[in-house]
Protein backbone atom coordinates (compact mmCIF):
# COMPACT_ATOMS: atom_id res chain seq x y z
CA UNK A 1 34.68 4.10 96.84
CA UNK A 2 38.28 2.60 97.11
CA UNK A 3 40.89 5.28 97.44
CA UNK A 4 42.57 4.57 93.99
CA UNK A 5 39.60 4.79 92.23
CA UNK A 6 39.81 7.04 89.16
CA UNK A 7 37.06 9.64 88.10
CA UNK A 8 33.78 8.50 87.01
CA UNK A 9 33.13 9.20 83.46
CA UNK A 10 35.22 11.10 80.89
CA UNK A 11 36.14 14.54 80.01
CA UNK A 12 34.53 16.30 76.89
CA UNK A 13 38.18 15.53 75.32
CA UNK A 14 37.92 11.95 75.38
CA UNK A 15 34.42 11.98 73.21
CA UNK A 16 35.91 14.53 70.85
CA UNK A 17 38.75 12.25 70.20
CA UNK A 18 36.59 9.21 69.47
CA UNK A 19 34.51 11.05 67.10
CA UNK A 20 37.24 12.79 65.40
CA UNK A 21 39.04 9.19 64.77
CA UNK A 22 35.56 7.76 63.55
CA UNK A 23 34.96 10.76 61.23
CA UNK A 24 38.77 10.22 59.99
CA UNK A 25 37.93 6.68 59.01
CA UNK A 26 34.61 7.52 57.49
CA UNK A 27 36.15 10.15 55.32
CA UNK A 28 38.35 7.36 53.86
CA UNK A 29 35.29 4.88 53.13
CA UNK A 30 33.12 7.49 51.79
CA UNK A 31 30.68 7.45 54.77
CA UNK A 32 28.57 10.56 55.41
CA UNK A 33 27.69 9.46 58.69
CA UNK A 34 27.13 6.10 61.17
CA UNK A 35 23.70 5.08 62.71
CA UNK A 36 24.46 3.04 66.06
CA UNK A 37 21.80 1.66 68.08
CA UNK A 38 23.39 -0.68 70.53
CA UNK A 39 23.99 0.21 74.18
CA UNK A 40 28.01 0.28 73.90
CA UNK A 41 28.10 2.06 70.63
CA UNK A 42 25.98 4.80 71.74
CA UNK A 43 27.46 4.96 75.13
CA UNK A 44 31.10 5.07 73.33
CA UNK A 45 30.41 8.10 71.34
CA UNK A 46 28.29 10.05 74.03
CA UNK A 47 29.05 9.00 77.48
CA UNK A 48 25.32 8.12 78.04
CA UNK A 49 25.16 5.30 80.61
CA UNK A 50 21.91 3.93 82.26
CA UNK A 51 20.40 0.56 82.99
CA UNK A 52 17.29 1.26 81.17
CA UNK A 53 18.96 -0.61 78.45
CA UNK A 54 17.83 -3.73 80.13
CA UNK A 55 14.20 -2.51 78.83
CA UNK A 56 13.74 -3.83 75.34
CA UNK A 57 10.60 -1.62 74.83
CA UNK A 58 12.28 1.47 73.44
CA UNK A 59 14.92 1.93 70.57
CA UNK A 60 17.56 4.43 70.90
CA UNK A 61 19.63 6.07 68.16
CA UNK A 62 22.87 7.95 67.78
CA UNK A 63 23.79 9.43 64.45
CA UNK A 64 27.74 10.32 63.88
CA UNK A 65 28.00 12.75 60.95
CA UNK A 66 30.84 13.24 58.56
CA UNK A 67 31.84 16.35 60.77
CA UNK A 68 30.73 17.86 63.88
CA UNK A 69 29.39 16.27 67.05
CA UNK A 70 26.80 13.29 66.97
CA UNK A 71 22.89 13.64 67.20
CA UNK A 72 21.09 11.73 69.60
CA UNK A 73 17.58 10.81 68.54
CA UNK A 74 15.88 8.84 71.99
CA UNK A 75 12.93 8.59 73.77
CA UNK A 76 12.23 11.63 75.79
CA UNK A 77 12.54 9.49 79.21
CA UNK A 78 16.20 9.87 78.49
CA UNK A 79 16.35 13.29 77.70
CA UNK A 80 17.52 15.17 80.92
CA UNK A 81 20.51 12.27 81.26
CA UNK A 82 21.47 12.87 77.61
CA UNK A 83 21.62 16.48 77.72
CA UNK A 84 24.05 16.25 80.47
CA UNK A 85 26.62 14.55 78.07
CA UNK A 86 28.89 16.54 75.65
CA UNK A 87 26.15 16.46 73.02
CA UNK A 88 24.34 19.46 71.69
CA UNK A 89 21.67 18.13 69.70
CA UNK A 90 19.24 15.61 71.22
CA UNK A 91 15.88 14.96 69.79
CA UNK A 92 13.12 13.10 71.68
CA UNK A 93 9.81 11.43 71.21
CA UNK A 94 7.41 10.15 73.61
CA UNK A 95 7.92 6.48 73.89
CA UNK A 96 6.59 3.84 73.50
CA UNK A 97 5.08 4.92 70.49
CA UNK A 98 4.85 1.61 68.40
CA UNK A 99 3.40 3.39 65.31
CA UNK A 100 6.20 5.83 65.09
CA UNK A 101 9.04 5.15 67.67
CA UNK A 102 11.40 7.75 66.43
CA UNK A 103 11.35 6.93 62.69
CA UNK A 104 9.76 10.30 61.69
CA UNK A 105 12.83 12.11 63.61
CA UNK A 106 15.09 9.77 62.17
CA UNK A 107 13.62 10.40 58.71
CA UNK A 108 13.94 14.00 59.08
CA UNK A 109 17.51 13.94 60.13
CA UNK A 110 18.61 11.91 57.31
CA UNK A 111 16.79 13.12 54.33
CA UNK A 112 19.10 15.51 53.21
CA UNK A 113 21.84 12.43 52.93
CA UNK A 114 19.20 10.53 50.92
CA UNK A 115 18.64 13.65 48.65
CA UNK A 116 22.18 13.68 47.85
CA UNK A 117 22.75 9.75 47.44
CA UNK A 118 24.88 9.48 50.60
CA UNK A 119 26.22 6.58 52.20
CA UNK A 120 25.85 6.05 55.84
CA UNK A 121 27.28 3.11 57.90
CA UNK A 122 25.35 0.84 60.14
CA UNK A 123 26.67 -2.13 62.10
CA UNK A 124 26.08 -5.53 60.26
CA UNK A 125 28.89 -7.97 60.85
CA UNK A 126 29.97 -10.41 63.80
CA UNK A 127 28.77 -9.55 67.06
CA UNK A 128 26.33 -7.02 66.11
CA UNK A 129 22.49 -6.34 66.49
CA UNK A 130 19.66 -4.13 64.88
CA UNK A 131 18.47 -3.12 67.93
CA UNK A 132 14.98 -1.83 66.40
CA UNK A 133 12.19 -3.67 65.06
CA UNK A 134 12.87 -5.11 61.70
CA UNK A 135 9.41 -3.67 60.51
CA UNK A 136 10.79 -0.15 61.57
CA UNK A 137 14.07 -0.48 59.97
CA UNK A 138 12.18 -1.38 56.51
CA UNK A 139 10.19 1.56 57.18
CA UNK A 140 12.88 4.05 57.49
CA UNK A 141 14.55 2.58 54.66
CA UNK A 142 11.51 2.96 52.36
CA UNK A 143 11.18 6.81 53.73
CA UNK A 144 14.55 7.53 52.30
CA UNK A 145 15.10 6.53 48.70
CA UNK A 146 18.49 7.43 47.60
CA UNK A 147 20.30 6.37 50.80
CA UNK A 148 23.03 3.92 50.91
CA UNK A 149 23.85 1.59 53.24
CA UNK A 150 27.42 0.33 54.37
CA UNK A 151 29.10 -2.07 56.78
CA UNK A 152 30.55 -0.16 59.82
CA UNK A 153 31.46 -2.95 61.53
CA UNK A 154 34.85 -3.03 61.30
CA UNK A 155 35.21 0.93 61.37
CA UNK A 156 33.52 0.95 64.94
CA UNK A 157 34.86 -2.28 66.62
CA UNK A 158 38.39 -1.38 65.24
CA UNK A 159 38.17 1.89 67.10
CA UNK A 160 36.79 0.06 70.16
CA UNK A 161 39.33 -2.54 70.51
CA UNK A 162 42.22 0.15 71.32
CA UNK A 163 41.76 1.58 74.60
CA UNK A 164 42.73 5.05 75.76
CA UNK A 165 44.90 5.72 78.57
CA UNK A 166 41.55 6.76 80.79
CA UNK A 167 39.91 3.68 79.73
CA UNK A 168 42.76 1.31 80.89
CA UNK A 169 42.54 3.21 84.28
CA UNK A 170 39.25 1.90 84.55
CA UNK A 171 39.87 -1.59 83.50
CA UNK A 172 42.87 -1.64 85.97
CA UNK A 173 40.65 -0.54 88.85
CA UNK A 174 37.92 -3.24 87.89
CA UNK A 175 40.50 -5.76 87.59
CA UNK A 176 42.05 -4.82 91.04
CA UNK A 177 38.65 -5.21 92.60
CA UNK A 178 38.01 -8.49 90.84
CA UNK A 179 41.33 -9.93 91.97
CA UNK A 180 40.79 -8.56 95.88
CA UNK A 181 37.65 -10.54 95.82
CA UNK A 182 38.91 -13.70 94.48
CA UNK A 183 41.82 -13.23 97.17
CA UNK A 184 39.04 -13.53 99.82
CA UNK A 185 37.46 -16.62 98.42
CA UNK A 186 39.74 -19.09 100.70
CA UNK A 187 38.40 -17.32 103.93
CA UNK A 188 34.54 -16.70 102.75
CA UNK A 189 33.95 -20.16 101.23
CA UNK A 190 34.24 -24.01 102.76
CA UNK A 191 33.35 -27.21 102.55
CA UNK A 192 29.50 -27.95 103.14
CA UNK A 193 28.71 -24.61 101.47
CA UNK A 194 25.93 -25.02 98.76
CA UNK A 195 27.30 -23.84 95.26
CA UNK A 196 24.45 -21.33 94.94
CA UNK A 197 25.53 -19.61 98.48
CA UNK A 198 29.18 -19.82 97.17
CA UNK A 199 27.85 -17.64 94.29
CA UNK A 200 26.06 -15.21 96.48
CA UNK A 201 28.58 -14.92 98.75
CA UNK A 202 31.24 -13.76 96.01
CA UNK A 203 28.73 -11.38 94.76
CA UNK A 204 28.45 -9.76 98.03
CA UNK A 205 32.27 -9.77 98.34
CA UNK A 206 32.85 -8.12 95.07
CA UNK A 207 30.32 -5.71 95.90
CA UNK A 208 31.88 -4.79 99.36
CA UNK A 209 35.30 -4.48 97.49
CA UNK A 210 33.95 -1.53 95.62
CA UNK A 211 32.52 -3.04 92.32
CA UNK A 212 29.28 -1.48 91.21
CA UNK A 213 27.61 -4.69 90.12
CA UNK A 214 28.97 -8.32 89.62
CA UNK A 215 26.07 -9.40 86.97
CA UNK A 216 28.12 -12.09 85.71
CA UNK A 217 29.22 -15.06 88.31
CA UNK A 218 29.17 -18.21 86.60
CA UNK A 219 31.30 -21.74 87.88
CA UNK A 220 31.09 -25.03 88.87
CA UNK A 221 32.11 -27.63 91.53
CA UNK A 222 32.47 -31.24 91.01
CA UNK A 223 34.98 -34.11 92.20
CA UNK A 224 38.35 -33.66 90.30
CA UNK A 225 37.04 -31.37 87.65
CA UNK A 226 33.82 -30.04 86.18
CA UNK A 227 31.96 -30.50 83.05
CA UNK A 228 30.77 -27.25 81.89
CA UNK A 229 31.07 -23.42 83.07
CA UNK A 230 27.78 -21.75 82.18
CA UNK A 231 25.39 -23.67 83.99
CA UNK A 232 23.13 -22.05 87.13
CA UNK A 233 24.62 -22.91 90.30
CA UNK A 234 23.08 -26.09 92.50
CA UNK A 235 22.17 -26.62 96.03
CA UNK A 236 25.19 -29.27 96.09
CA UNK A 237 27.16 -28.65 99.22
CA UNK A 238 31.04 -28.61 98.26
CA UNK A 239 33.10 -31.48 98.95
CA UNK A 240 36.46 -32.69 99.68
CA UNK A 241 38.02 -33.31 96.17
CA UNK A 242 35.99 -31.05 94.42
CA UNK A 243 37.48 -28.67 92.05
CA UNK A 244 35.60 -25.30 92.20
CA UNK A 245 35.95 -22.63 89.52
CA UNK A 246 34.60 -19.13 89.69
CA UNK A 247 34.35 -17.05 86.46
CA UNK A 248 33.29 -12.95 87.10
CA UNK A 249 32.58 -10.15 84.94
CA UNK A 250 32.54 -7.18 87.65
CA UNK A 251 31.88 -3.70 86.22
CA UNK A 252 33.09 -0.33 87.47
CA UNK A 253 31.71 2.89 85.93
CA UNK A 254 30.92 0.77 82.76
CA UNK A 255 33.91 -1.21 82.47
CA UNK A 256 34.31 -5.06 83.02
CA UNK A 257 36.64 -7.50 84.32
CA UNK A 258 36.55 -10.99 82.93
CA UNK A 259 38.63 -13.76 84.79
CA UNK A 260 38.46 -16.83 86.33
CA UNK A 261 39.97 -18.92 89.35
CA UNK A 262 40.11 -22.36 90.46
CA UNK A 263 40.55 -23.92 93.85
CA UNK A 264 40.40 -27.63 95.43
CA UNK A 265 38.41 -28.22 98.09
CA UNK A 266 40.47 -30.03 101.03
CA UNK A 267 42.70 -32.35 98.57
CA UNK A 268 43.52 -32.24 94.64
CA UNK A 269 44.30 -35.26 92.84
CA UNK A 270 47.27 -35.71 90.34
CA UNK A 271 45.12 -35.01 87.27
CA UNK A 272 43.49 -31.85 88.45
CA UNK A 273 47.05 -30.44 89.63
CA UNK A 274 48.37 -31.08 86.07
CA UNK A 275 45.45 -29.52 84.25
CA UNK A 276 45.95 -26.38 86.47
CA UNK A 277 49.57 -26.29 85.79
CA UNK A 278 49.17 -27.10 82.03
CA UNK A 279 46.95 -23.78 81.84
CA UNK A 280 49.02 -21.66 83.68
CA UNK A 281 51.64 -22.41 81.16
CA UNK A 282 49.79 -21.99 78.32
CA UNK A 283 48.46 -18.86 79.73
CA UNK A 284 52.45 -17.76 80.06
CA UNK A 285 52.85 -18.57 76.47
CA UNK A 286 49.95 -16.44 75.78
CA UNK A 287 51.30 -13.64 77.74
CA UNK A 288 54.94 -13.99 75.62
CA UNK A 289 52.74 -13.75 72.47
CA UNK A 290 50.63 -10.82 73.24
CA UNK A 291 53.10 -8.43 71.51
CA UNK A 292 52.12 -5.50 68.80
CA UNK A 293 52.34 -7.08 65.39
CA UNK A 294 51.58 -10.53 66.47
CA UNK A 295 47.93 -11.79 65.46
CA UNK A 296 45.05 -13.13 67.85
CA UNK A 297 46.01 -16.61 65.72
CA UNK A 298 49.40 -16.00 67.06
CA UNK A 299 47.99 -15.92 70.65
CA UNK A 300 45.87 -18.99 69.77
CA UNK A 301 48.51 -21.14 68.55
CA UNK A 302 50.77 -20.30 71.40
CA UNK A 303 48.34 -21.36 74.02
CA UNK A 304 47.34 -24.24 72.02
CA UNK A 305 50.75 -25.76 71.58
CA UNK A 306 50.74 -25.99 75.37
CA UNK A 307 47.33 -27.26 75.81
CA UNK A 308 48.20 -30.26 73.58
CA UNK A 309 50.67 -31.35 75.93
CA UNK A 310 47.48 -32.80 77.86
CA UNK A 311 44.57 -32.46 75.62
CA UNK A 312 45.44 -33.32 71.80
CA UNK A 313 42.18 -32.12 70.65
CA UNK A 314 42.21 -28.94 71.71
CA UNK A 315 38.51 -28.84 73.39
CA UNK A 316 35.87 -27.56 71.38
CA UNK A 317 35.12 -24.25 73.29
CA UNK A 318 35.91 -22.15 69.88
CA UNK A 319 38.42 -19.56 70.90
CA UNK A 320 40.81 -18.97 74.09
CA UNK A 321 40.24 -15.40 74.84
CA UNK A 322 38.87 -12.21 73.56
CA UNK A 323 38.49 -8.39 73.64
CA UNK A 324 37.42 -6.53 77.05
CA UNK A 325 35.74 -3.31 77.88
CA UNK A 326 32.41 -1.71 78.26
CA UNK A 327 31.60 -5.47 77.35
CA UNK A 328 32.04 -8.54 79.35
CA UNK A 329 33.25 -10.02 75.84
CA UNK A 330 34.17 -7.63 72.75
CA UNK A 331 36.17 -8.23 69.63
CA UNK A 332 38.58 -9.57 68.75
CA UNK A 333 38.72 -13.58 69.35
CA UNK A 334 41.85 -15.78 70.06
CA UNK A 335 40.94 -18.23 67.49
CA UNK A 336 42.43 -19.79 64.37
CA UNK A 337 40.30 -17.93 62.49
CA UNK A 338 41.14 -14.46 63.61
CA UNK A 339 43.95 -12.72 62.04
CA UNK A 340 43.50 -9.35 63.78
CA UNK A 341 46.81 -7.66 64.26
CA UNK A 342 47.37 -6.73 67.97
CA UNK A 343 47.97 -2.94 68.91
CA UNK A 344 49.31 -1.21 71.79
CA UNK A 345 46.34 -0.57 74.09
CA UNK A 346 44.31 -3.60 73.33
CA UNK A 347 42.59 -4.79 76.39
CA UNK A 348 42.43 -8.46 75.85
CA UNK A 349 41.48 -12.04 77.91
CA UNK A 350 43.96 -14.88 77.79
CA UNK A 351 41.32 -17.88 78.71
CA UNK A 352 43.00 -21.41 77.57
CA UNK A 353 40.92 -24.35 78.68
CA UNK A 354 41.20 -28.20 78.21
CA UNK A 355 39.65 -31.39 78.59
CA UNK A 356 40.77 -34.43 80.43
CA UNK A 357 39.80 -37.54 82.65
CA UNK A 358 36.24 -38.68 81.77
CA UNK A 359 34.50 -35.46 80.49
CA UNK A 360 35.93 -33.20 82.80
CA UNK A 361 37.41 -29.75 81.82
CA UNK A 362 39.15 -26.79 83.15
CA UNK A 363 39.41 -23.31 82.22
CA UNK A 364 41.72 -20.49 83.43
CA UNK A 365 41.61 -16.54 82.45
CA UNK A 366 43.62 -13.37 82.78
CA UNK A 367 43.07 -9.77 81.93
CA UNK A 368 45.80 -7.83 79.89
CA UNK A 369 46.60 -4.72 77.85
CA UNK A 370 49.18 -4.96 75.08
CA UNK A 371 51.85 -2.55 75.57
CA UNK A 372 55.18 -1.82 73.17
CA UNK A 373 56.75 -4.08 74.97
CA UNK A 374 54.60 -7.06 75.49
CA UNK A 375 51.82 -7.61 77.81
CA UNK A 376 50.87 -5.91 81.10
CA UNK A 377 48.69 -8.12 83.70
CA UNK A 378 45.50 -6.20 84.99
CA UNK A 379 44.51 -9.09 87.13
CA UNK A 380 46.59 -10.15 89.74
CA UNK A 381 48.60 -13.36 88.17
CA UNK A 382 46.99 -16.68 89.67
CA UNK A 383 49.32 -19.39 91.28
CA UNK A 384 51.04 -21.97 89.24
CA UNK A 385 50.05 -24.95 91.55
CA UNK A 386 46.02 -25.22 92.11
CA UNK A 387 45.26 -23.95 95.64
CA UNK A 388 43.67 -25.68 98.37
CA UNK A 389 41.22 -24.60 100.43
CA UNK A 390 40.55 -26.01 103.87
CA UNK A 391 43.36 -28.18 103.72
C-alpha cells in the first residue's frame, strides 16, 4: 500500500448522509422509496463491494425507504458481506432460483406501499439498466397492483455527480497512481515491443504502483497517429515515427481514474506535434471553463473552439469528457446537448479529441474536480509538447 493511501471504505456517517440527501429529494418528488438494482447504485447507499457482480446469474436489490436505513434483498451468497455494512435489514434467498429469484421477498417488502397507492422511483433514463429479467419485473408489478413507478434517474445521478470530500480523496489517490504509472512508460516500453506487450507492461506497472486493478487499458500505435482508440492490441512491434496512446481506467477501493497519454517513438512529424499542442490547449480551455455555474455545454464549446483550429468538423466522438467516480464513466457528458450545471465537488474528465491527416485522430484526457475557484487537477498535467520515447 502506498504511504499516502486513504482509509478503505467509508464511515457509517458517509452512507447516512447520502441516504438523508436522497430521502430529502424523494420527499419533494412524493416518492415512498427507491428500488435500486445495479452495482454502482447499490454500493453508493450500502458500501457493498464485491467482484461477484461480474456474474450475471443473480439479481441484487436495495430499497431506500422514505425514512430509515435502506433494506437489502439479495442472494444468500452475499449475506455475510452485506451484514458487515451499516444496514440492519438484510433479506436473502437461496439463489439462483429462476422460478422466484427474490420476487416474493420484494413483493412482501413493497406490498404495504402498493396497498396505499404509493409511488417508488426506479432508474429509467440514460446510462441505466434494469438488472433483472424483464419477465421477473413484469411479475413483480403484476403482484403489486396500486404501486406506481416513477423515474428516479435524475435524483440518483444528481446525488452521485457531486462527490464528498472522502470520495475525492480516493479519486485523488487513484489518479496519483495512474499518473505515476504513466510517468514510468518511457522507461518500460521501447521501439520493437509488440503493442500487446505494451498493454501488459503498463498493467503490471499500475499494479506495482498500488492500483487494485487496471481493468480498462486501451490504446493504439500507428505511424503519425492512430485511427481508433478502442481496438484490442495487436502484435505489431512499435516502430520509429509511431504515435502511441494509452488510456487507462485504474481502480482503487472502487474508485476510478480515467485519463490517457500520448508519446512518439523516436521522432514525431509536424502534424502529430500540432495535434498534441492543439489538444493540450483545448484542455486548458476546458480547465478555465470548469467553474461552478457553467454548464457541460460550456465546457464542450470552450474545448471545441480550440479543436476547430485544426479540425473544423469537431470529430464524431459525441462528447469531450464525462463524470468520474465508482464507474469509469458517469454522468454528466461534456456535449452540446448536456446543460447540467457544474457544482463544486463534481469529478470530471476533460477529453478533447480531433481528426487530422488521412483518417488519423488524437485524444487527450485529464481528470479534475470542480472547486469554488475553478478546476483542480487530479491527474498530473501532461506536457504541452508531444514527448518522445527513445529519441
